[in-house]
Amino acid sequence: MYTTPEQLASANKANVESMLTLANTAFASAERFAALNLNTARAVLEDSVNNAKALLGAKDLQEVISLQATLAQPAVEKAVAYSRSVYEISAQTQEEFSKLVEVQFAEANKNVASTLDKAAKSAPAGSDVAVAAVKSAIAAANSAYDTMSKAAKQVAEIAEANVAAATNATVKAVGAAATPKAKKAA
């Protein structure tokens, strides 16, 4: 029932490794966000310069209107692509964090069950009812955790499907709105 120094050292080592994994995941995510933002800023600057040159080169108002309509679609598509990338990075990071939490939860359950079994062996006679009650409570908590985890995954899948549908609808709507303007200008 007593914890040995080796057991404490092992537990501390596992906790440090878990924290390092968590920190590395967070840093990798931050790096991906930084790279995405830097590349997006560079592309927006280049597109802005090219669009300004195109608009300044227009010969009349109709050509300006036509150019605006044709320039709007790629800008919206790039904004949607950026949003998708942000969502993807966030979702992947959350998934990695969830896996780490699940591993930690499973390890904690294993340790509690082991400790409970050791305690039950050295417990006085007649305490098996209390041990059974604790085991039942742990099983109920594990079941609740599994149910909540599955529900959270389903919510994430639904949210991902909704984000995809909304972004596709946005791109189509902007494309449909830009097409009549371009035709009128021509």
N, C-alpha and C. Protein backbone atom coordinates (compact mmCIF):
# COMPACT_ATOMS: atom_id res chain seq x y z
N MET A 1 0.82 -1.19 0.00
CA MET A 1 0.00 0.00 0.00
C MET A 1 0.86 1.25 0.00
N TYR A 2 2.09 1.14 0.49
CA TYR A 2 2.98 2.28 0.56
C TYR A 2 3.65 2.52 -0.79
N THR A 3 3.91 3.78 -1.08
CA THR A 3 4.54 4.14 -2.34
C THR A 3 6.05 4.17 -2.14
N THR A 4 6.76 3.49 -3.02
CA THR A 4 8.22 3.45 -2.93
C THR A 4 8.81 4.63 -3.68
N PRO A 5 10.04 4.99 -3.38
CA PRO A 5 10.69 6.08 -4.13
C PRO A 5 10.76 5.81 -5.63
N GLU A 6 10.91 4.53 -6.00
CA GLU A 6 10.96 4.20 -7.43
C GLU A 6 9.61 4.46 -8.10
N GLN A 7 8.53 4.17 -7.37
CA GLN A 7 7.20 4.42 -7.92
C GLN A 7 6.97 5.92 -8.08
N LEU A 8 7.39 6.70 -7.10
CA LEU A 8 7.26 8.16 -7.19
C LEU A 8 8.08 8.71 -8.36
N ALA A 9 9.32 8.21 -8.49
CA ALA A 9 10.18 8.67 -9.58
C ALA A 9 9.57 8.31 -10.93
N SER A 10 9.02 7.11 -11.02
CA SER A 10 8.39 6.69 -12.27
C SER A 10 7.18 7.55 -12.60
N ALA A 11 6.36 7.82 -11.59
CA ALA A 11 5.18 8.67 -11.80
C ALA A 11 5.58 10.07 -12.20
N ASN A 12 6.59 10.62 -11.55
CA ASN A 12 7.06 11.97 -11.90
C ASN A 12 7.63 12.01 -13.31
N LYS A 13 8.38 10.97 -13.68
CA LYS A 13 8.94 10.91 -15.03
C LYS A 13 7.81 10.88 -16.07
N ALA A 14 6.78 10.09 -15.80
CA ALA A 14 5.64 10.00 -16.73
C ALA A 14 4.93 11.35 -16.82
N ASN A 15 4.79 12.04 -15.70
CA ASN A 15 4.15 13.36 -15.72
C ASN A 15 4.98 14.37 -16.50
N VAL A 16 6.29 14.35 -16.33
CA VAL A 16 7.16 15.26 -17.07
C VAL A 16 7.08 14.97 -18.57
N GLU A 17 7.07 13.70 -18.92
CA GLU A 17 6.96 13.33 -20.34
C GLU A 17 5.62 13.79 -20.93
N SER A 18 4.58 13.66 -20.16
CA SER A 18 3.26 14.12 -20.62
C SER A 18 3.26 15.63 -20.82
N MET A 19 3.85 16.35 -19.89
CA MET A 19 3.90 17.81 -20.01
C MET A 19 4.75 18.23 -21.21
N LEU A 20 5.85 17.51 -21.45
CA LEU A 20 6.68 17.82 -22.62
C LEU A 20 5.92 17.55 -23.91
N THR A 21 5.17 16.47 -23.95
CA THR A 21 4.36 16.17 -25.13
C THR A 21 3.32 17.26 -25.35
N LEU A 22 2.69 17.68 -24.28
CA LEU A 22 1.70 18.75 -24.36
C LEU A 22 2.34 20.05 -24.85
N ALA A 23 3.49 20.40 -24.28
CA ALA A 23 4.19 21.63 -24.69
C ALA A 23 4.64 21.55 -26.15
N ASN A 24 5.18 20.40 -26.56
CA ASN A 24 5.62 20.26 -27.95
C ASN A 24 4.45 20.36 -28.92
N THR A 25 3.31 19.82 -28.54
CA THR A 25 2.11 19.92 -29.38
C THR A 25 1.67 21.38 -29.49
N ALA A 26 1.69 22.08 -28.38
CA ALA A 26 1.30 23.50 -28.39
C ALA A 26 2.27 24.32 -29.24
N PHE A 27 3.57 24.06 -29.11
CA PHE A 27 4.55 24.80 -29.90
C PHE A 27 4.43 24.48 -31.39
N ALA A 28 4.20 23.22 -31.72
CA ALA A 28 4.03 22.85 -33.13
C ALA A 28 2.81 23.55 -33.72
N SER A 29 1.76 23.61 -32.94
CA SER A 29 0.55 24.31 -33.40
C SER A 29 0.82 25.79 -33.59
N ALA A 30 1.52 26.40 -32.64
CA ALA A 30 1.85 27.82 -32.76
C ALA A 30 2.73 28.08 -33.99
N GLU A 31 3.66 27.18 -34.26
CA GLU A 31 4.51 27.32 -35.46
C GLU A 31 3.66 27.26 -36.73
N ARG A 32 2.72 26.33 -36.76
CA ARG A 32 1.87 26.20 -37.94
C ARG A 32 1.01 27.45 -38.13
N PHE A 33 0.47 27.99 -37.03
CA PHE A 33 -0.31 29.24 -37.12
C PHE A 33 0.56 30.39 -37.60
N ALA A 34 1.77 30.49 -37.07
CA ALA A 34 2.67 31.58 -37.47
C ALA A 34 3.01 31.48 -38.96
N ALA A 35 3.32 30.29 -39.43
CA ALA A 35 3.64 30.10 -40.85
C ALA A 35 2.43 30.41 -41.72
N LEU A 36 1.26 29.95 -41.30
CA LEU A 36 0.04 30.24 -42.06
C LEU A 36 -0.20 31.74 -42.14
N ASN A 37 -0.09 32.42 -41.01
CA ASN A 37 -0.33 33.87 -40.98
C ASN A 37 0.70 34.63 -41.80
N LEU A 38 1.95 34.23 -41.72
CA LEU A 38 3.00 34.91 -42.51
C LEU A 38 2.76 34.70 -44.01
N ASN A 39 2.47 33.48 -44.41
CA ASN A 39 2.21 33.20 -45.83
C ASN A 39 0.96 33.92 -46.32
N THR A 40 -0.07 33.97 -45.47
CA THR A 40 -1.30 34.66 -45.84
C THR A 40 -1.06 36.15 -45.98
N ALA A 41 -0.31 36.73 -45.05
CA ALA A 41 -0.01 38.17 -45.13
C ALA A 41 0.78 38.49 -46.39
N ARG A 42 1.74 37.64 -46.72
CA ARG A 42 2.54 37.85 -47.94
C ARG A 42 1.64 37.77 -49.18
N ALA A 43 0.76 36.77 -49.22
CA ALA A 43 -0.13 36.60 -50.38
C ALA A 43 -1.12 37.76 -50.48
N VAL A 44 -1.65 38.23 -49.35
CA VAL A 44 -2.59 39.36 -49.36
C VAL A 44 -1.89 40.61 -49.89
N LEU A 45 -0.66 40.84 -49.46
CA LEU A 45 0.08 42.01 -49.94
C LEU A 45 0.30 41.92 -51.45
N GLU A 46 0.75 40.77 -51.92
CA GLU A 46 0.98 40.60 -53.36
C GLU A 46 -0.32 40.78 -54.15
N ASP A 47 -1.40 40.18 -53.67
CA ASP A 47 -2.69 40.30 -54.35
C ASP A 47 -3.17 41.75 -54.36
N SER A 48 -2.98 42.44 -53.26
CA SER A 48 -3.41 43.84 -53.17
C SER A 48 -2.66 44.71 -54.17
N VAL A 49 -1.38 44.49 -54.28
CA VAL A 49 -0.58 45.26 -55.25
C VAL A 49 -1.04 44.94 -56.67
N ASN A 50 -1.21 43.66 -56.97
CA ASN A 50 -1.65 43.28 -58.32
C ASN A 50 -3.04 43.81 -58.63
N ASN A 51 -3.94 43.75 -57.65
CA ASN A 51 -5.30 44.26 -57.86
C ASN A 51 -5.31 45.77 -58.05
N ALA A 52 -4.48 46.46 -57.27
CA ALA A 52 -4.40 47.92 -57.42
C ALA A 52 -3.86 48.29 -58.80
N LYS A 53 -2.86 47.56 -59.27
CA LYS A 53 -2.31 47.82 -60.60
C LYS A 53 -3.38 47.57 -61.67
N ALA A 54 -4.13 46.50 -61.51
CA ALA A 54 -5.18 46.18 -62.49
C ALA A 54 -6.25 47.26 -62.49
N LEU A 55 -6.67 47.69 -61.31
CA LEU A 55 -7.71 48.73 -61.24
C LEU A 55 -7.20 50.07 -61.77
N LEU A 56 -5.94 50.39 -61.49
CA LEU A 56 -5.38 51.65 -62.01
C LEU A 56 -5.20 51.61 -63.52
N GLY A 57 -5.07 50.43 -64.08
CA GLY A 57 -4.93 50.29 -65.52
C GLY A 57 -6.25 50.26 -66.28
N ALA A 58 -7.35 50.32 -65.55
CA ALA A 58 -8.67 50.29 -66.19
C ALA A 58 -8.87 51.57 -67.00
N LYS A 59 -9.52 51.40 -68.15
CA LYS A 59 -9.71 52.54 -69.05
C LYS A 59 -10.99 53.32 -68.76
N ASP A 60 -11.99 52.64 -68.21
CA ASP A 60 -13.25 53.34 -67.91
C ASP A 60 -13.92 52.70 -66.70
N LEU A 61 -15.05 53.28 -66.31
CA LEU A 61 -15.77 52.83 -65.13
C LEU A 61 -16.30 51.40 -65.29
N GLN A 62 -16.75 51.05 -66.47
CA GLN A 62 -17.26 49.70 -66.70
C GLN A 62 -16.16 48.66 -66.47
N GLU A 63 -14.97 48.97 -66.91
CA GLU A 63 -13.85 48.03 -66.72
C GLU A 63 -13.50 47.91 -65.24
N VAL A 64 -13.59 49.01 -64.50
CA VAL A 64 -13.34 48.98 -63.05
C VAL A 64 -14.36 48.08 -62.37
N ILE A 65 -15.62 48.24 -62.73
CA ILE A 65 -16.69 47.43 -62.15
C ILE A 65 -16.48 45.95 -62.49
N SER A 66 -16.12 45.68 -63.72
CA SER A 66 -15.87 44.31 -64.16
C SER A 66 -14.68 43.71 -63.39
N LEU A 67 -13.62 44.49 -63.25
CA LEU A 67 -12.44 44.01 -62.51
C LEU A 67 -12.78 43.73 -61.05
N GLN A 68 -13.56 44.61 -60.43
CA GLN A 68 -13.93 44.41 -59.04
C GLN A 68 -14.69 43.10 -58.87
N ALA A 69 -15.57 42.82 -59.80
CA ALA A 69 -16.35 41.59 -59.72
C ALA A 69 -15.46 40.36 -59.87
N THR A 70 -14.52 40.44 -60.79
CA THR A 70 -13.65 39.28 -61.01
C THR A 70 -12.59 39.13 -59.90
N LEU A 71 -12.22 40.23 -59.25
CA LEU A 71 -11.22 40.17 -58.18
C LEU A 71 -11.83 39.72 -56.85
N ALA A 72 -13.13 39.89 -56.69
CA ALA A 72 -13.78 39.53 -55.43
C ALA A 72 -13.78 38.02 -55.20
N GLN A 73 -14.05 37.25 -56.23
CA GLN A 73 -14.15 35.79 -56.09
C GLN A 73 -12.86 35.17 -55.56
N PRO A 74 -11.71 35.45 -56.15
CA PRO A 74 -10.48 34.84 -55.60
C PRO A 74 -10.19 35.30 -54.17
N ALA A 75 -10.52 36.53 -53.85
CA ALA A 75 -10.28 37.02 -52.49
C ALA A 75 -11.12 36.25 -51.48
N VAL A 76 -12.37 36.03 -51.80
CA VAL A 76 -13.25 35.27 -50.90
C VAL A 76 -12.77 33.82 -50.81
N GLU A 77 -12.38 33.24 -51.92
CA GLU A 77 -11.89 31.86 -51.90
C GLU A 77 -10.64 31.74 -51.03
N LYS A 78 -9.76 32.72 -51.10
CA LYS A 78 -8.54 32.70 -50.28
C LYS A 78 -8.89 32.90 -48.80
N ALA A 79 -9.85 33.75 -48.51
CA ALA A 79 -10.27 33.93 -47.12
C ALA A 79 -10.88 32.65 -46.57
N VAL A 80 -11.65 31.97 -47.39
CA VAL A 80 -12.26 30.70 -46.97
C VAL A 80 -11.17 29.65 -46.78
N ALA A 81 -10.19 29.62 -47.67
CA ALA A 81 -9.09 28.66 -47.54
C ALA A 81 -8.30 28.94 -46.25
N TYR A 82 -8.09 30.21 -45.94
CA TYR A 82 -7.40 30.57 -44.70
C TYR A 82 -8.21 30.08 -43.50
N SER A 83 -9.51 30.31 -43.52
CA SER A 83 -10.37 29.87 -42.41
C SER A 83 -10.34 28.35 -42.26
N ARG A 84 -10.35 27.66 -43.38
CA ARG A 84 -10.27 26.20 -43.33
C ARG A 84 -8.94 25.75 -42.71
N SER A 85 -7.87 26.41 -43.08
CA SER A 85 -6.55 26.05 -42.54
C SER A 85 -6.50 26.29 -41.04
N VAL A 86 -7.05 27.43 -40.60
CA VAL A 86 -7.08 27.72 -39.16
C VAL A 86 -7.90 26.65 -38.44
N TYR A 87 -9.04 26.31 -38.99
CA TYR A 87 -9.90 25.30 -38.39
C TYR A 87 -9.18 23.95 -38.35
N GLU A 88 -8.50 23.59 -39.43
CA GLU A 88 -7.80 22.32 -39.51
C GLU A 88 -6.69 22.24 -38.46
N ILE A 89 -5.90 23.29 -38.33
CA ILE A 89 -4.83 23.31 -37.33
C ILE A 89 -5.43 23.19 -35.93
N SER A 90 -6.48 23.94 -35.68
CA SER A 90 -7.13 23.89 -34.36
C SER A 90 -7.69 22.50 -34.07
N ALA A 91 -8.34 21.91 -35.05
CA ALA A 91 -8.93 20.59 -34.86
C ALA A 91 -7.86 19.53 -34.61
N GLN A 92 -6.77 19.60 -35.36
CA GLN A 92 -5.70 18.62 -35.18
C GLN A 92 -5.04 18.78 -33.81
N THR A 93 -4.85 20.02 -33.39
CA THR A 93 -4.26 20.26 -32.08
C THR A 93 -5.17 19.74 -30.97
N GLN A 94 -6.45 20.03 -31.11
CA GLN A 94 -7.42 19.56 -30.11
C GLN A 94 -7.44 18.03 -30.08
N GLU A 95 -7.35 17.39 -31.23
CA GLU A 95 -7.34 15.94 -31.29
C GLU A 95 -6.11 15.36 -30.59
N GLU A 96 -4.96 15.99 -30.79
CA GLU A 96 -3.74 15.52 -30.13
C GLU A 96 -3.84 15.71 -28.62
N PHE A 97 -4.39 16.84 -28.19
CA PHE A 97 -4.59 17.05 -26.76
C PHE A 97 -5.56 16.02 -26.19
N SER A 98 -6.62 15.73 -26.92
CA SER A 98 -7.60 14.74 -26.46
C SER A 98 -6.97 13.36 -26.30
N LYS A 99 -6.12 12.98 -27.27
CA LYS A 99 -5.44 11.69 -27.17
C LYS A 99 -4.57 11.63 -25.92
N LEU A 100 -3.86 12.71 -25.65
CA LEU A 100 -3.01 12.77 -24.46
C LEU A 100 -3.85 12.64 -23.19
N VAL A 101 -4.98 13.33 -23.14
CA VAL A 101 -5.86 13.25 -21.97
C VAL A 101 -6.41 11.84 -21.83
N GLU A 102 -6.78 11.21 -22.93
CA GLU A 102 -7.30 9.85 -22.87
C GLU A 102 -6.25 8.88 -22.33
N VAL A 103 -5.01 9.04 -22.75
CA VAL A 103 -3.93 8.18 -22.26
C VAL A 103 -3.74 8.41 -20.76
N GLN A 104 -3.74 9.67 -20.35
CA GLN A 104 -3.58 9.98 -18.93
C GLN A 104 -4.74 9.44 -18.11
N PHE A 105 -5.95 9.55 -18.64
CA PHE A 105 -7.13 9.04 -17.95
C PHE A 105 -7.06 7.53 -17.81
N ALA A 106 -6.66 6.84 -18.86
CA ALA A 106 -6.54 5.38 -18.81
C ALA A 106 -5.48 4.96 -17.80
N GLU A 107 -4.36 5.67 -17.79
CA GLU A 107 -3.29 5.36 -16.84
C GLU A 107 -3.75 5.61 -15.40
N ALA A 108 -4.47 6.70 -15.18
CA ALA A 108 -4.98 6.99 -13.84
C ALA A 108 -5.98 5.91 -13.41
N ASN A 109 -6.83 5.47 -14.32
CA ASN A 109 -7.78 4.40 -14.01
C ASN A 109 -7.05 3.11 -13.63
N LYS A 110 -6.01 2.80 -14.37
CA LYS A 110 -5.24 1.59 -14.10
C LYS A 110 -4.59 1.69 -12.71
N ASN A 111 -4.05 2.86 -12.39
CA ASN A 111 -3.41 3.04 -11.09
C ASN A 111 -4.43 2.96 -9.95
N VAL A 112 -5.59 3.56 -10.15
CA VAL A 112 -6.64 3.51 -9.12
C VAL A 112 -7.10 2.07 -8.92
N ALA A 113 -7.31 1.35 -10.02
CA ALA A 113 -7.75 -0.04 -9.91
C ALA A 113 -6.70 -0.89 -9.20
N SER A 114 -5.44 -0.66 -9.52
CA SER A 114 -4.36 -1.41 -8.88
C SER A 114 -4.30 -1.09 -7.39
N THR A 115 -4.39 0.17 -7.06
CA THR A 115 -4.37 0.58 -5.65
C THR A 115 -5.57 0.01 -4.91
N LEU A 116 -6.72 0.04 -5.55
CA LEU A 116 -7.93 -0.49 -4.93
C LEU A 116 -7.80 -2.00 -4.69
N ASP A 117 -7.24 -2.72 -5.65
CA ASP A 117 -7.03 -4.16 -5.48
C ASP A 117 -6.08 -4.45 -4.32
N LYS A 118 -5.00 -3.67 -4.23
CA LYS A 118 -4.05 -3.84 -3.12
C LYS A 118 -4.72 -3.54 -1.79
N ALA A 119 -5.53 -2.48 -1.78
CA ALA A 119 -6.23 -2.12 -0.54
C ALA A 119 -7.24 -3.19 -0.16
N ALA A 120 -7.90 -3.77 -1.14
CA ALA A 120 -8.90 -4.80 -0.86
C ALA A 120 -8.25 -6.04 -0.26
N LYS A 121 -7.04 -6.36 -0.69
CA LYS A 121 -6.34 -7.54 -0.17
C LYS A 121 -5.94 -7.36 1.29
N SER A 122 -5.61 -6.14 1.65
CA SER A 122 -5.19 -5.91 3.03
C SER A 122 -6.30 -5.34 3.90
N ALA A 123 -7.50 -5.20 3.35
CA ALA A 123 -8.63 -4.64 4.10
C ALA A 123 -9.17 -5.68 5.07
N PRO A 124 -9.78 -5.19 6.15
CA PRO A 124 -10.35 -6.13 7.12
C PRO A 124 -11.54 -6.89 6.53
N ALA A 125 -11.84 -7.99 7.12
CA ALA A 125 -12.96 -8.82 6.66
C ALA A 125 -14.25 -8.02 6.70
N GLY A 126 -15.10 -8.25 5.71
CA GLY A 126 -16.39 -7.56 5.64
C GLY A 126 -16.35 -6.24 4.88
N SER A 127 -15.17 -5.81 4.46
CA SER A 127 -15.07 -4.54 3.73
C SER A 127 -15.23 -4.72 2.22
N ASP A 128 -15.47 -5.96 1.80
CA ASP A 128 -15.61 -6.21 0.36
C ASP A 128 -16.82 -5.50 -0.23
N VAL A 129 -17.83 -5.20 0.57
CA VAL A 129 -18.99 -4.45 0.08
C VAL A 129 -18.57 -3.02 -0.27
N ALA A 130 -17.76 -2.42 0.58
CA ALA A 130 -17.28 -1.06 0.32
C ALA A 130 -16.38 -1.03 -0.91
N VAL A 131 -15.53 -2.02 -1.03
CA VAL A 131 -14.64 -2.10 -2.20
C VAL A 131 -15.46 -2.27 -3.47
N ALA A 132 -16.48 -3.11 -3.42
CA ALA A 132 -17.35 -3.31 -4.59
C ALA A 132 -18.08 -2.01 -4.95
N ALA A 133 -18.49 -1.26 -3.94
CA ALA A 133 -19.17 0.01 -4.19
C ALA A 133 -18.23 1.01 -4.86
N VAL A 134 -16.98 1.06 -4.41
CA VAL A 134 -16.00 1.97 -5.02
C VAL A 134 -15.72 1.54 -6.45
N LYS A 135 -15.56 0.23 -6.66
CA LYS A 135 -15.33 -0.26 -8.03
C LYS A 135 -16.52 0.07 -8.93
N SER A 136 -17.71 -0.05 -8.41
CA SER A 136 -18.91 0.29 -9.18
C SER A 136 -18.94 1.77 -9.52
N ALA A 137 -18.57 2.60 -8.57
CA ALA A 137 -18.52 4.05 -8.82
C ALA A 137 -17.48 4.39 -9.88
N ILE A 138 -16.34 3.73 -9.83
CA ILE A 138 -15.29 3.96 -10.83
C ILE A 138 -15.79 3.52 -12.21
N ALA A 139 -16.45 2.37 -12.27
CA ALA A 139 -17.00 1.89 -13.55
C ALA A 139 -18.03 2.87 -14.09
N ALA A 140 -18.87 3.41 -13.21
CA ALA A 140 -19.88 4.39 -13.65
C ALA A 140 -19.21 5.67 -14.16
N ALA A 141 -18.16 6.11 -13.46
CA ALA A 141 -17.43 7.31 -13.90
C ALA A 141 -16.77 7.07 -15.25
N ASN A 142 -16.19 5.90 -15.44
CA ASN A 142 -15.56 5.56 -16.73
C ASN A 142 -16.59 5.52 -17.85
N SER A 143 -17.74 4.97 -17.56
CA SER A 143 -18.81 4.91 -18.55
C SER A 143 -19.28 6.31 -18.92
N ALA A 144 -19.43 7.17 -17.91
CA ALA A 144 -19.83 8.55 -18.18
C ALA A 144 -18.78 9.28 -19.00
N TYR A 145 -17.52 9.05 -18.69
CA TYR A 145 -16.43 9.68 -19.45
C TYR A 145 -16.46 9.21 -20.90
N ASP A 146 -16.63 7.91 -21.11
CA ASP A 146 -16.69 7.37 -22.48
C ASP A 146 -17.86 7.97 -23.25
N THR A 147 -19.01 8.08 -22.60
CA THR A 147 -20.19 8.65 -23.25
C THR A 147 -19.95 10.10 -23.62
N MET A 148 -19.38 10.86 -22.69
CA MET A 148 -19.10 12.28 -22.95
C MET A 148 -18.06 12.43 -24.06
N SER A 149 -17.06 11.58 -24.06
CA SER A 149 -16.03 11.63 -25.09
C SER A 149 -16.61 11.35 -26.47
N LYS A 150 -17.47 10.34 -26.55
CA LYS A 150 -18.11 10.01 -27.83
C LYS A 150 -19.03 11.15 -28.29
N ALA A 151 -19.75 11.75 -27.34
CA ALA A 151 -20.64 12.86 -27.69
C ALA A 151 -19.83 14.05 -28.19
N ALA A 152 -18.71 14.33 -27.54
CA ALA A 152 -17.87 15.46 -27.96
C ALA A 152 -17.31 15.22 -29.36
N LYS A 153 -16.94 13.98 -29.66
CA LYS A 153 -16.42 13.66 -31.00
C LYS A 153 -17.52 13.83 -32.05
N GLN A 154 -18.74 13.42 -31.71
CA GLN A 154 -19.84 13.60 -32.65
C GLN A 154 -20.13 15.07 -32.89
N VAL A 155 -20.10 15.87 -31.83
CA VAL A 155 -20.32 17.31 -31.98
C VAL A 155 -19.23 17.92 -32.86
N ALA A 156 -17.99 17.49 -32.66
CA ALA A 156 -16.89 18.00 -33.48
C ALA A 156 -17.08 17.62 -34.95
N GLU A 157 -17.53 16.41 -35.21
CA GLU A 157 -17.77 15.98 -36.60
C GLU A 157 -18.90 16.78 -37.23
N ILE A 158 -19.96 17.03 -36.48
CA ILE A 158 -21.08 17.82 -37.00
C ILE A 158 -20.62 19.25 -37.27
N ALA A 159 -19.84 19.81 -36.34
CA ALA A 159 -19.34 21.17 -36.53
C ALA A 159 -18.45 21.25 -37.77
N GLU A 160 -17.61 20.26 -37.96
CA GLU A 160 -16.73 20.25 -39.13
C GLU A 160 -17.55 20.18 -40.42
N ALA A 161 -18.58 19.36 -40.43
CA ALA A 161 -19.44 19.26 -41.61
C ALA A 161 -20.16 20.59 -41.86
N ASN A 162 -20.62 21.23 -40.80
CA ASN A 162 -21.31 22.52 -40.95
C ASN A 162 -20.37 23.60 -41.44
N VAL A 163 -19.13 23.61 -40.95
CA VAL A 163 -18.14 24.60 -41.41
C VAL A 163 -17.87 24.39 -42.90
N ALA A 164 -17.71 23.14 -43.30
CA ALA A 164 -17.46 22.85 -44.72
C ALA A 164 -18.63 23.29 -45.59
N ALA A 165 -19.84 23.00 -45.14
CA ALA A 165 -21.03 23.39 -45.91
C ALA A 165 -21.16 24.90 -45.99
N ALA A 166 -20.90 25.59 -44.89
CA ALA A 166 -21.02 27.05 -44.87
C ALA A 166 -19.97 27.70 -45.77
N THR A 167 -18.74 27.19 -45.74
CA THR A 167 -17.70 27.79 -46.58
C THR A 167 -17.99 27.54 -48.05
N ASN A 168 -18.46 26.36 -48.39
CA ASN A 168 -18.81 26.08 -49.78
C ASN A 168 -19.97 26.97 -50.25
N ALA A 169 -20.95 27.16 -49.38
CA ALA A 169 -22.08 28.03 -49.73
C ALA A 169 -21.62 29.47 -49.91
N THR A 170 -20.69 29.91 -49.08
CA THR A 170 -20.17 31.28 -49.20
C THR A 170 -19.45 31.48 -50.52
N VAL A 171 -18.60 30.54 -50.86
CA VAL A 171 -17.86 30.65 -52.13
C VAL A 171 -18.83 30.65 -53.31
N LYS A 172 -19.83 29.79 -53.28
CA LYS A 172 -20.81 29.73 -54.37
C LYS A 172 -21.62 31.02 -54.45
N ALA A 173 -22.00 31.55 -53.28
CA ALA A 173 -22.80 32.78 -53.27
C ALA A 173 -22.01 33.96 -53.82
N VAL A 174 -20.75 34.06 -53.45
CA VAL A 174 -19.92 35.16 -53.96
C VAL A 174 -19.70 34.98 -55.45
N GLY A 175 -19.48 33.73 -55.87
CA GLY A 175 -19.31 33.47 -57.31
C GLY A 175 -20.55 33.82 -58.10
N ALA A 176 -21.72 33.48 -57.55
CA ALA A 176 -22.97 33.80 -58.24
C ALA A 176 -23.23 35.30 -58.26
N ALA A 177 -22.87 36.00 -57.18
CA ALA A 177 -23.07 37.45 -57.14
C ALA A 177 -22.10 38.17 -58.07
N ALA A 178 -20.89 37.65 -58.21
CA ALA A 178 -19.89 38.30 -59.06
C ALA A 178 -20.19 38.08 -60.54
N THR A 179 -20.76 36.96 -60.90
CA THR A 179 -21.01 36.64 -62.30
C THR A 179 -21.98 37.61 -62.97
N PRO A 180 -23.13 37.94 -62.39
CA PRO A 180 -24.03 38.90 -63.06
C PRO A 180 -23.39 40.28 -63.21
N LYS A 181 -22.61 40.73 -62.23
CA LYS A 181 -21.97 42.04 -62.34
C LYS A 181 -20.98 42.06 -63.49
N ALA A 182 -20.24 40.97 -63.61
CA ALA A 182 -19.25 40.90 -64.70
C ALA A 182 -19.94 40.88 -66.05
N LYS A 183 -21.09 40.20 -66.14
CA LYS A 183 -21.81 40.15 -67.40
C LYS A 183 -22.40 41.51 -67.75
N LYS A 184 -22.92 42.24 -66.74
CA LYS A 184 -23.48 43.56 -67.00
C LYS A 184 -22.42 44.52 -67.48
N ALA A 185 -21.23 44.41 -66.93
CA ALA A 185 -20.15 45.31 -67.30
C ALA A 185 -19.67 45.04 -68.72
N ALA A 186 -19.79 43.81 -69.17
CA ALA A 186 -19.30 43.43 -70.49
C ALA A 186 -20.27 43.87 -71.52
